[in-house]
Amino acid sequence: MGNRPYGYTGNGQAIIEEEAEIVREVFRRYLDGESPLGTQDLTARGVTTSEGKTWQPENVRHLLSSNFVARRWVPERGPPSSIRSWRS
């Protein structure tokens, strides 16, 4: 996902709102039961990772399990343990 957390500036101190919307969407889709394999629509919409690359399932898993992002979503719970069991 690059040298910076997706959805945040390089120093991690400010939110990039356009990317934050994608972060919220990815988390909503996960909570609705969608697999990280469903990344084709992000690519079709022209959404890229923080490195400017197309989204792959491993990028989504990384985003969902990122302590940096997950702590801002659910501080007391962290990332769901089931993410570790996902496979490409």
N, C-alpha and C. Protein backbone atom coordinates (compact mmCIF):
# COMPACT_ATOMS: atom_id res chain seq x y z
N MET A 1 0.81 -1.19 0.00
CA MET A 1 0.00 0.00 0.00
C MET A 1 0.85 1.25 0.00
N GLY A 2 2.09 1.12 -0.21
CA GLY A 2 2.93 2.31 -0.30
C GLY A 2 3.56 2.66 1.01
N ASN A 3 4.27 3.79 1.00
CA ASN A 3 4.96 4.25 2.19
C ASN A 3 4.06 5.03 3.12
N ARG A 4 2.87 5.32 2.69
CA ARG A 4 1.94 6.04 3.55
C ARG A 4 0.65 5.24 3.66
N PRO A 5 -0.01 5.36 4.79
CA PRO A 5 -1.29 4.66 4.92
C PRO A 5 -2.31 5.24 3.95
N TYR A 6 -3.03 4.38 3.27
CA TYR A 6 -4.04 4.84 2.32
C TYR A 6 -5.10 5.63 3.09
N GLY A 7 -5.40 6.81 2.60
CA GLY A 7 -6.39 7.68 3.24
C GLY A 7 -5.77 8.78 4.07
N TYR A 8 -4.45 8.77 4.21
CA TYR A 8 -3.75 9.75 5.04
C TYR A 8 -2.59 10.37 4.27
N THR A 9 -2.19 11.56 4.69
CA THR A 9 -1.02 12.21 4.10
C THR A 9 0.23 11.42 4.46
N GLY A 10 1.34 11.76 3.84
CA GLY A 10 2.59 11.05 4.05
C GLY A 10 3.02 10.95 5.50
N ASN A 11 2.74 11.97 6.30
CA ASN A 11 3.12 11.91 7.71
C ASN A 11 2.04 11.28 8.58
N GLY A 12 0.91 10.91 7.97
CA GLY A 12 -0.17 10.25 8.70
C GLY A 12 -0.96 11.16 9.61
N GLN A 13 -0.75 12.45 9.50
CA GLN A 13 -1.40 13.39 10.41
C GLN A 13 -2.69 13.98 9.87
N ALA A 14 -2.91 13.89 8.57
CA ALA A 14 -4.11 14.48 7.98
C ALA A 14 -4.80 13.46 7.07
N ILE A 15 -6.10 13.54 7.03
CA ILE A 15 -6.91 12.65 6.21
C ILE A 15 -7.02 13.22 4.81
N ILE A 16 -6.90 12.34 3.82
CA ILE A 16 -7.18 12.69 2.43
C ILE A 16 -8.61 12.21 2.19
N GLU A 17 -9.54 13.13 2.18
CA GLU A 17 -10.96 12.78 2.19
C GLU A 17 -11.37 11.87 1.04
N GLU A 18 -10.88 12.12 -0.16
CA GLU A 18 -11.23 11.27 -1.30
C GLU A 18 -10.83 9.81 -1.04
N GLU A 19 -9.65 9.60 -0.49
CA GLU A 19 -9.21 8.24 -0.18
C GLU A 19 -9.95 7.70 1.04
N ALA A 20 -10.26 8.56 1.99
CA ALA A 20 -10.98 8.12 3.19
C ALA A 20 -12.35 7.56 2.83
N GLU A 21 -12.98 8.13 1.80
CA GLU A 21 -14.26 7.59 1.33
C GLU A 21 -14.09 6.15 0.85
N ILE A 22 -12.98 5.88 0.16
CA ILE A 22 -12.72 4.51 -0.31
C ILE A 22 -12.46 3.60 0.89
N VAL A 23 -11.72 4.08 1.88
CA VAL A 23 -11.48 3.29 3.10
C VAL A 23 -12.81 2.92 3.74
N ARG A 24 -13.70 3.90 3.88
CA ARG A 24 -15.01 3.63 4.49
C ARG A 24 -15.80 2.63 3.65
N GLU A 25 -15.72 2.78 2.33
CA GLU A 25 -16.41 1.84 1.45
C GLU A 25 -15.88 0.43 1.61
N VAL A 26 -14.56 0.27 1.65
CA VAL A 26 -13.96 -1.05 1.79
C VAL A 26 -14.39 -1.68 3.12
N PHE A 27 -14.38 -0.92 4.19
CA PHE A 27 -14.81 -1.45 5.49
C PHE A 27 -16.30 -1.80 5.47
N ARG A 28 -17.13 -0.95 4.86
CA ARG A 28 -18.57 -1.25 4.76
C ARG A 28 -18.79 -2.55 4.01
N ARG A 29 -18.08 -2.70 2.90
CA ARG A 29 -18.23 -3.91 2.09
C ARG A 29 -17.78 -5.14 2.87
N TYR A 30 -16.70 -5.02 3.63
CA TYR A 30 -16.25 -6.14 4.45
C TYR A 30 -17.33 -6.50 5.48
N LEU A 31 -17.87 -5.49 6.14
CA LEU A 31 -18.90 -5.74 7.16
C LEU A 31 -20.17 -6.32 6.56
N ASP A 32 -20.40 -6.05 5.27
CA ASP A 32 -21.55 -6.63 4.57
C ASP A 32 -21.26 -8.04 4.07
N GLY A 33 -20.05 -8.54 4.33
CA GLY A 33 -19.72 -9.92 3.99
C GLY A 33 -18.98 -10.11 2.69
N GLU A 34 -18.57 -9.04 2.05
CA GLU A 34 -17.86 -9.17 0.77
C GLU A 34 -16.42 -9.60 0.97
N SER A 35 -15.95 -10.44 0.08
CA SER A 35 -14.58 -10.92 0.10
C SER A 35 -13.64 -9.84 -0.46
N PRO A 36 -12.36 -9.85 -0.05
CA PRO A 36 -11.41 -8.91 -0.63
C PRO A 36 -11.09 -9.22 -2.09
N LEU A 37 -11.61 -10.33 -2.60
CA LEU A 37 -11.40 -10.66 -4.00
C LEU A 37 -12.19 -9.71 -4.90
N GLY A 38 -13.17 -9.01 -4.35
CA GLY A 38 -14.01 -8.13 -5.14
C GLY A 38 -13.40 -6.75 -5.34
N THR A 39 -12.23 -6.70 -5.94
CA THR A 39 -11.54 -5.41 -6.13
C THR A 39 -11.67 -4.89 -7.56
N GLN A 40 -12.28 -5.65 -8.44
CA GLN A 40 -12.35 -5.26 -9.85
C GLN A 40 -13.07 -3.93 -10.04
N ASP A 41 -14.11 -3.68 -9.25
CA ASP A 41 -14.85 -2.44 -9.46
C ASP A 41 -14.03 -1.22 -9.05
N LEU A 42 -13.14 -1.35 -8.07
CA LEU A 42 -12.26 -0.22 -7.72
C LEU A 42 -11.38 0.12 -8.91
N THR A 43 -10.84 -0.91 -9.52
CA THR A 43 -9.99 -0.71 -10.70
C THR A 43 -10.81 -0.12 -11.85
N ALA A 44 -12.00 -0.65 -12.07
CA ALA A 44 -12.85 -0.16 -13.16
C ALA A 44 -13.22 1.30 -12.97
N ARG A 45 -13.32 1.74 -11.72
CA ARG A 45 -13.66 3.13 -11.42
C ARG A 45 -12.43 4.03 -11.44
N GLY A 46 -11.26 3.45 -11.66
CA GLY A 46 -10.03 4.24 -11.72
C GLY A 46 -9.44 4.57 -10.36
N VAL A 47 -9.89 3.87 -9.31
CA VAL A 47 -9.35 4.08 -7.97
C VAL A 47 -8.03 3.33 -7.87
N THR A 48 -6.99 4.02 -7.44
CA THR A 48 -5.68 3.38 -7.31
C THR A 48 -5.23 3.38 -5.85
N THR A 49 -4.23 2.55 -5.55
CA THR A 49 -3.65 2.49 -4.22
C THR A 49 -2.80 3.75 -3.99
N SER A 50 -2.23 3.87 -2.81
CA SER A 50 -1.39 5.04 -2.52
C SER A 50 -0.12 5.05 -3.38
N GLU A 51 0.21 3.91 -3.99
CA GLU A 51 1.35 3.84 -4.91
C GLU A 51 0.93 4.09 -6.35
N GLY A 52 -0.36 4.32 -6.58
CA GLY A 52 -0.86 4.56 -7.93
C GLY A 52 -1.09 3.29 -8.73
N LYS A 53 -1.16 2.15 -8.05
CA LYS A 53 -1.35 0.87 -8.72
C LYS A 53 -2.81 0.43 -8.59
N THR A 54 -3.16 -0.59 -9.38
CA THR A 54 -4.52 -1.12 -9.28
C THR A 54 -4.65 -1.94 -7.99
N TRP A 55 -5.88 -1.97 -7.48
CA TRP A 55 -6.16 -2.71 -6.25
C TRP A 55 -6.13 -4.21 -6.50
N GLN A 56 -5.52 -4.92 -5.58
CA GLN A 56 -5.47 -6.37 -5.59
C GLN A 56 -6.04 -6.84 -4.25
N PRO A 57 -6.48 -8.09 -4.15
CA PRO A 57 -7.02 -8.58 -2.88
C PRO A 57 -6.07 -8.36 -1.70
N GLU A 58 -4.76 -8.50 -1.92
CA GLU A 58 -3.82 -8.31 -0.82
C GLU A 58 -3.80 -6.85 -0.33
N ASN A 59 -4.08 -5.89 -1.24
CA ASN A 59 -4.16 -4.49 -0.82
C ASN A 59 -5.35 -4.28 0.11
N VAL A 60 -6.47 -4.92 -0.22
CA VAL A 60 -7.67 -4.80 0.62
C VAL A 60 -7.42 -5.45 1.98
N ARG A 61 -6.83 -6.64 1.98
CA ARG A 61 -6.53 -7.31 3.26
C ARG A 61 -5.61 -6.44 4.11
N HIS A 62 -4.61 -5.84 3.47
CA HIS A 62 -3.68 -4.98 4.21
C HIS A 62 -4.42 -3.78 4.80
N LEU A 63 -5.29 -3.18 4.02
CA LEU A 63 -6.05 -2.03 4.50
C LEU A 63 -6.93 -2.43 5.69
N LEU A 64 -7.62 -3.55 5.57
CA LEU A 64 -8.51 -3.99 6.64
C LEU A 64 -7.77 -4.39 7.90
N SER A 65 -6.56 -4.89 7.76
CA SER A 65 -5.82 -5.34 8.94
C SER A 65 -4.81 -4.31 9.44
N SER A 66 -4.76 -3.16 8.80
CA SER A 66 -3.81 -2.13 9.19
C SER A 66 -4.14 -1.57 10.57
N ASN A 67 -3.20 -1.68 11.49
CA ASN A 67 -3.41 -1.10 12.82
C ASN A 67 -3.59 0.41 12.72
N PHE A 68 -2.92 1.03 11.80
CA PHE A 68 -3.01 2.48 11.66
C PHE A 68 -4.44 2.88 11.31
N VAL A 69 -5.04 2.20 10.35
CA VAL A 69 -6.40 2.54 9.94
C VAL A 69 -7.43 1.93 10.88
N ALA A 70 -7.26 0.68 11.24
CA ALA A 70 -8.25 -0.01 12.07
C ALA A 70 -8.43 0.65 13.43
N ARG A 71 -7.38 1.16 14.00
CA ARG A 71 -7.51 1.82 15.31
C ARG A 71 -8.41 3.04 15.22
N ARG A 72 -8.43 3.67 14.07
CA ARG A 72 -9.30 4.83 13.92
C ARG A 72 -10.75 4.41 13.71
N TRP A 73 -10.94 3.18 13.27
CA TRP A 73 -12.31 2.69 13.06
C TRP A 73 -12.89 2.14 14.34
N VAL A 74 -12.20 1.19 14.98
CA VAL A 74 -12.70 0.55 16.19
C VAL A 74 -11.53 0.41 17.16
N PRO A 75 -11.20 1.47 17.91
CA PRO A 75 -10.01 1.46 18.76
C PRO A 75 -9.95 0.29 19.73
N GLU A 76 -11.05 -0.09 20.31
CA GLU A 76 -11.02 -1.13 21.33
C GLU A 76 -10.96 -2.54 20.76
N ARG A 77 -11.21 -2.70 19.46
CA ARG A 77 -11.26 -4.04 18.90
C ARG A 77 -10.12 -4.35 17.94
N GLY A 78 -9.64 -3.38 17.21
CA GLY A 78 -8.61 -3.64 16.21
C GLY A 78 -9.20 -4.39 15.03
N PRO A 79 -8.35 -4.91 14.15
CA PRO A 79 -8.85 -5.58 12.95
C PRO A 79 -9.50 -6.92 13.28
N PRO A 80 -10.51 -7.31 12.53
CA PRO A 80 -11.15 -8.60 12.76
C PRO A 80 -10.17 -9.74 12.56
N SER A 81 -10.22 -10.75 13.42
CA SER A 81 -9.28 -11.86 13.33
C SER A 81 -9.50 -12.70 12.07
N SER A 82 -10.71 -12.68 11.51
CA SER A 82 -10.98 -13.49 10.33
C SER A 82 -10.20 -13.03 9.11
N ILE A 83 -9.70 -11.79 9.12
CA ILE A 83 -8.94 -11.30 7.97
C ILE A 83 -7.70 -12.14 7.74
N ARG A 84 -7.10 -12.63 8.82
CA ARG A 84 -5.88 -13.42 8.69
C ARG A 84 -6.11 -14.71 7.93
N SER A 85 -7.36 -15.18 7.89
CA SER A 85 -7.64 -16.45 7.23
C SER A 85 -7.97 -16.30 5.75
N TRP A 86 -8.10 -15.07 5.25
CA TRP A 86 -8.43 -14.86 3.84
C TRP A 86 -7.26 -15.27 2.95
N ARG A 87 -7.58 -15.81 1.81
CA ARG A 87 -6.56 -16.21 0.85
C ARG A 87 -6.88 -15.58 -0.49
N SER A 88 -5.84 -15.34 -1.29
CA SER A 88 -6.05 -14.79 -2.64
C SER A 88 -6.61 -15.85 -3.55
